[in-house]
Amino acid sequence: MSALRTERSEFAFATEREIAAKSPTSLKLTLRALREARNLDGLQDCLRLEYRLVCRLLSSHDFSEGIRAAVVDKDRCPKWHPAELADVSPAGVNSYFASLGGHELRL
């Protein structure tokens, strides 16, 4: 985000604005998932990671809030929790990546 702010082009401005409107938690989860996927052994490991994240995201506040803002109320003003990238804790992000135990995807 800071790199987009310093570029000062219309594309960078529009991209930063678009990204800033998204769930801060989802943004951090996505970045970490992409970084972790680089080091995974193959498609099966990537699918396991994706499944783990989706299982947790489905019950998250931001998932239901995004649906409310886009589909139910259609106000396009989601209230993310937490609302700022800086407020998304590493422990919170880690919780999405933790093992599902006996509910892990089996391929």
C-alpha atoms as a PDB file:
ATOM      1  CA  MET A   1       0.000   0.000   0.000  1.00  0.00           C
ATOM      2  CA  SER A   2       2.822   2.393   0.790  1.00  0.00           C
ATOM      3  CA  ALA A   3       4.420   1.661  -2.590  1.00  0.00           C
ATOM      4  CA  LEU A   4       1.143   2.547  -4.315  1.00  0.00           C
ATOM      5  CA  ARG A   5       0.906   5.793  -2.336  1.00  0.00           C
ATOM      6  CA  THR A   6       4.390   6.885  -3.355  1.00  0.00           C
ATOM      7  CA  GLU A   7       3.996   6.101  -7.076  1.00  0.00           C
ATOM      8  CA  ARG A   8       1.624   9.028  -7.682  1.00  0.00           C
ATOM      9  CA  SER A   9       0.061   7.702 -10.887  1.00  0.00           C
ATOM     10  CA  GLU A  10      -3.652   7.498 -11.583  1.00  0.00           C
ATOM     11  CA  PHE A  11      -3.380   3.716 -11.779  1.00  0.00           C
ATOM     12  CA  ALA A  12      -1.628   3.543  -8.393  1.00  0.00           C
ATOM     13  CA  PHE A  13      -4.152   5.926  -6.834  1.00  0.00           C
ATOM     14  CA  ALA A  14      -7.131   3.925  -8.151  1.00  0.00           C
ATOM     15  CA  THR A  15      -5.562   0.624  -7.122  1.00  0.00           C
ATOM     16  CA  GLU A  16      -4.756   1.857  -3.611  1.00  0.00           C
ATOM     17  CA  ARG A  17      -8.307   3.177  -3.214  1.00  0.00           C
ATOM     18  CA  GLU A  18      -9.792  -0.137  -4.406  1.00  0.00           C
ATOM     19  CA  ILE A  19      -7.598  -2.220  -2.106  1.00  0.00           C
ATOM     20  CA  ALA A  20      -8.255   0.079   0.871  1.00  0.00           C
ATOM     21  CA  ALA A  21     -11.996  -0.591   0.563  1.00  0.00           C
ATOM     22  CA  LYS A  22     -11.513  -4.328   1.110  1.00  0.00           C
ATOM     23  CA  SER A  23     -11.449  -6.235   4.371  1.00  0.00           C
ATOM     24  CA  PRO A  24      -8.117  -5.555   6.090  1.00  0.00           C
ATOM     25  CA  THR A  25      -8.097  -9.080   7.496  1.00  0.00           C
ATOM     26  CA  SER A  26      -8.720 -10.596   4.074  1.00  0.00           C
ATOM     27  CA  LEU A  27      -5.945  -8.489   2.566  1.00  0.00           C
ATOM     28  CA  LYS A  28      -3.422  -9.740   5.107  1.00  0.00           C
ATOM     29  CA  LEU A  29      -4.643 -13.324   4.731  1.00  0.00           C
ATOM     30  CA  THR A  30      -4.344 -13.140   0.957  1.00  0.00           C
ATOM     31  CA  LEU A  31      -0.824 -11.742   1.042  1.00  0.00           C
ATOM     32  CA  ARG A  32       0.335 -14.391   3.493  1.00  0.00           C
ATOM     33  CA  ALA A  33      -1.394 -17.192   1.550  1.00  0.00           C
ATOM     34  CA  LEU A  34       0.327 -16.114  -1.672  1.00  0.00           C
ATOM     35  CA  ARG A  35       3.679 -15.989   0.066  1.00  0.00           C
ATOM     36  CA  GLU A  36       3.177 -19.400   1.656  1.00  0.00           C
ATOM     37  CA  ALA A  37       1.955 -20.951  -1.600  1.00  0.00           C
ATOM     38  CA  ARG A  38       5.333 -20.182  -3.203  1.00  0.00           C
ATOM     39  CA  ASN A  39       6.946 -22.667  -0.829  1.00  0.00           C
ATOM     40  CA  LEU A  40       4.370 -25.451  -0.996  1.00  0.00           C
ATOM     41  CA  ASP A  41       5.167 -28.695  -2.782  1.00  0.00           C
ATOM     42  CA  GLY A  42       2.244 -28.802  -5.186  1.00  0.00           C
ATOM     43  CA  LEU A  43      -1.425 -28.360  -5.936  1.00  0.00           C
ATOM     44  CA  GLN A  44      -2.608 -30.642  -3.135  1.00  0.00           C
ATOM     45  CA  ASP A  45      -0.822 -28.572  -0.500  1.00  0.00           C
ATOM     46  CA  CYS A  46      -2.216 -25.369  -2.028  1.00  0.00           C
ATOM     47  CA  LEU A  47      -5.738 -26.806  -1.965  1.00  0.00           C
ATOM     48  CA  ARG A  48      -5.314 -27.807   1.684  1.00  0.00           C
ATOM     49  CA  LEU A  49      -4.227 -24.297   2.569  1.00  0.00           C
ATOM     50  CA  GLU A  50      -7.106 -22.763   0.620  1.00  0.00           C
ATOM     51  CA  TYR A  51      -9.607 -25.109   2.276  1.00  0.00           C
ATOM     52  CA  ARG A  52      -8.305 -24.235   5.745  1.00  0.00           C
ATOM     53  CA  LEU A  53      -8.677 -20.517   5.038  1.00  0.00           C
ATOM     54  CA  VAL A  54     -12.131 -20.832   3.499  1.00  0.00           C
ATOM     55  CA  CYS A  55     -13.412 -22.914   6.416  1.00  0.00           C
ATOM     56  CA  ARG A  56     -12.398 -20.167   8.803  1.00  0.00           C
ATOM     57  CA  LEU A  57     -13.445 -17.249   6.608  1.00  0.00           C
ATOM     58  CA  LEU A  58     -16.990 -18.575   6.224  1.00  0.00           C
ATOM     59  CA  SER A  59     -17.603 -18.009   9.924  1.00  0.00           C
ATOM     60  CA  SER A  60     -15.768 -14.682  10.149  1.00  0.00           C
ATOM     61  CA  HIS A  61     -17.344 -11.313  10.814  1.00  0.00           C
ATOM     62  CA  ASP A  62     -15.959  -9.786   7.611  1.00  0.00           C
ATOM     63  CA  PHE A  63     -17.465 -12.488   5.390  1.00  0.00           C
ATOM     64  CA  SER A  64     -20.998 -11.918   6.662  1.00  0.00           C
ATOM     65  CA  GLU A  65     -20.444  -8.154   6.729  1.00  0.00           C
ATOM     66  CA  GLY A  66     -19.311  -8.173   3.105  1.00  0.00           C
ATOM     67  CA  ILE A  67     -22.452 -10.070   2.107  1.00  0.00           C
ATOM     68  CA  ARG A  68     -24.615  -7.713   4.136  1.00  0.00           C
ATOM     69  CA  ALA A  69     -23.084  -4.625   2.508  1.00  0.00           C
ATOM     70  CA  ALA A  70     -23.158  -5.988  -1.053  1.00  0.00           C
ATOM     71  CA  VAL A  71     -26.228  -8.218  -1.191  1.00  0.00           C
ATOM     72  CA  VAL A  72     -28.592  -7.685   1.735  1.00  0.00           C
ATOM     73  CA  ASP A  73     -28.608  -3.955   2.456  1.00  0.00           C
ATOM     74  CA  LYS A  74     -26.739  -3.007  -0.723  1.00  0.00           C
ATOM     75  CA  ASP A  75     -25.312   0.042   1.010  1.00  0.00           C
ATOM     76  CA  ARG A  76     -21.762  -0.803  -0.164  1.00  0.00           C
ATOM     77  CA  CYS A  77     -20.455   0.390   3.223  1.00  0.00           C
ATOM     78  CA  PRO A  78     -19.072  -2.617   5.056  1.00  0.00           C
ATOM     79  CA  LYS A  79     -17.842  -2.158   8.605  1.00  0.00           C
ATOM     80  CA  TRP A  80     -14.795  -4.377   8.760  1.00  0.00           C
ATOM     81  CA  HIS A  81     -13.468  -5.706  12.036  1.00  0.00           C
ATOM     82  CA  PRO A  82     -10.781  -4.645  12.512  1.00  0.00           C
ATOM     83  CA  ALA A  83     -11.231  -1.633  10.280  1.00  0.00           C
ATOM     84  CA  GLU A  84      -7.565  -0.841   9.578  1.00  0.00           C
ATOM     85  CA  LEU A  85      -4.665  -2.932   8.248  1.00  0.00           C
ATOM     86  CA  ALA A  86      -2.504  -1.858  11.176  1.00  0.00           C
ATOM     87  CA  ASP A  87      -5.068  -3.299  13.589  1.00  0.00           C
ATOM     88  CA  VAL A  88      -4.993  -6.817  12.129  1.00  0.00           C
ATOM     89  CA  SER A  89      -2.819  -8.709  14.590  1.00  0.00           C
ATOM     90  CA  PRO A  90      -0.315 -11.383  13.608  1.00  0.00           C
ATOM     91  CA  ALA A  91      -2.059 -13.721  16.076  1.00  0.00           C
ATOM     92  CA  GLY A  92      -5.366 -13.091  14.323  1.00  0.00           C
ATOM     93  CA  VAL A  93      -3.832 -13.921  10.952  1.00  0.00           C
ATOM     94  CA  ASN A  94      -2.117 -17.002  12.379  1.00  0.00           C
ATOM     95  CA  SER A  95      -5.432 -18.321  13.663  1.00  0.00           C
ATOM     96  CA  TYR A  96      -6.721 -18.677  10.094  1.00  0.00           C
ATOM     97  CA  PHE A  97      -3.692 -20.761   9.119  1.00  0.00           C
ATOM     98  CA  ALA A  98      -3.790 -23.116  12.108  1.00  0.00           C
ATOM     99  CA  SER A  99      -4.523 -26.780  11.508  1.00  0.00           C
ATOM    100  CA  LEU A 100      -8.138 -27.905  11.319  1.00  0.00           C
ATOM    101  CA  GLY A 101      -7.132 -31.107  13.099  1.00  0.00           C
ATOM    102  CA  GLY A 102      -9.363 -33.981  12.074  1.00  0.00           C
ATOM    103  CA  HIS A 103     -11.191 -31.732   9.644  1.00  0.00           C
ATOM    104  CA  GLU A 104      -8.231 -31.076   7.347  1.00  0.00           C
ATOM    105  CA  LEU A 105      -8.870 -31.637   3.642  1.00  0.00           C
ATOM    106  CA  ARG A 106      -7.874 -35.136   2.577  1.00  0.00           C
ATOM    107  CA  LEU A 107      -6.938 -35.601  -1.057  1.00  0.00           C
END
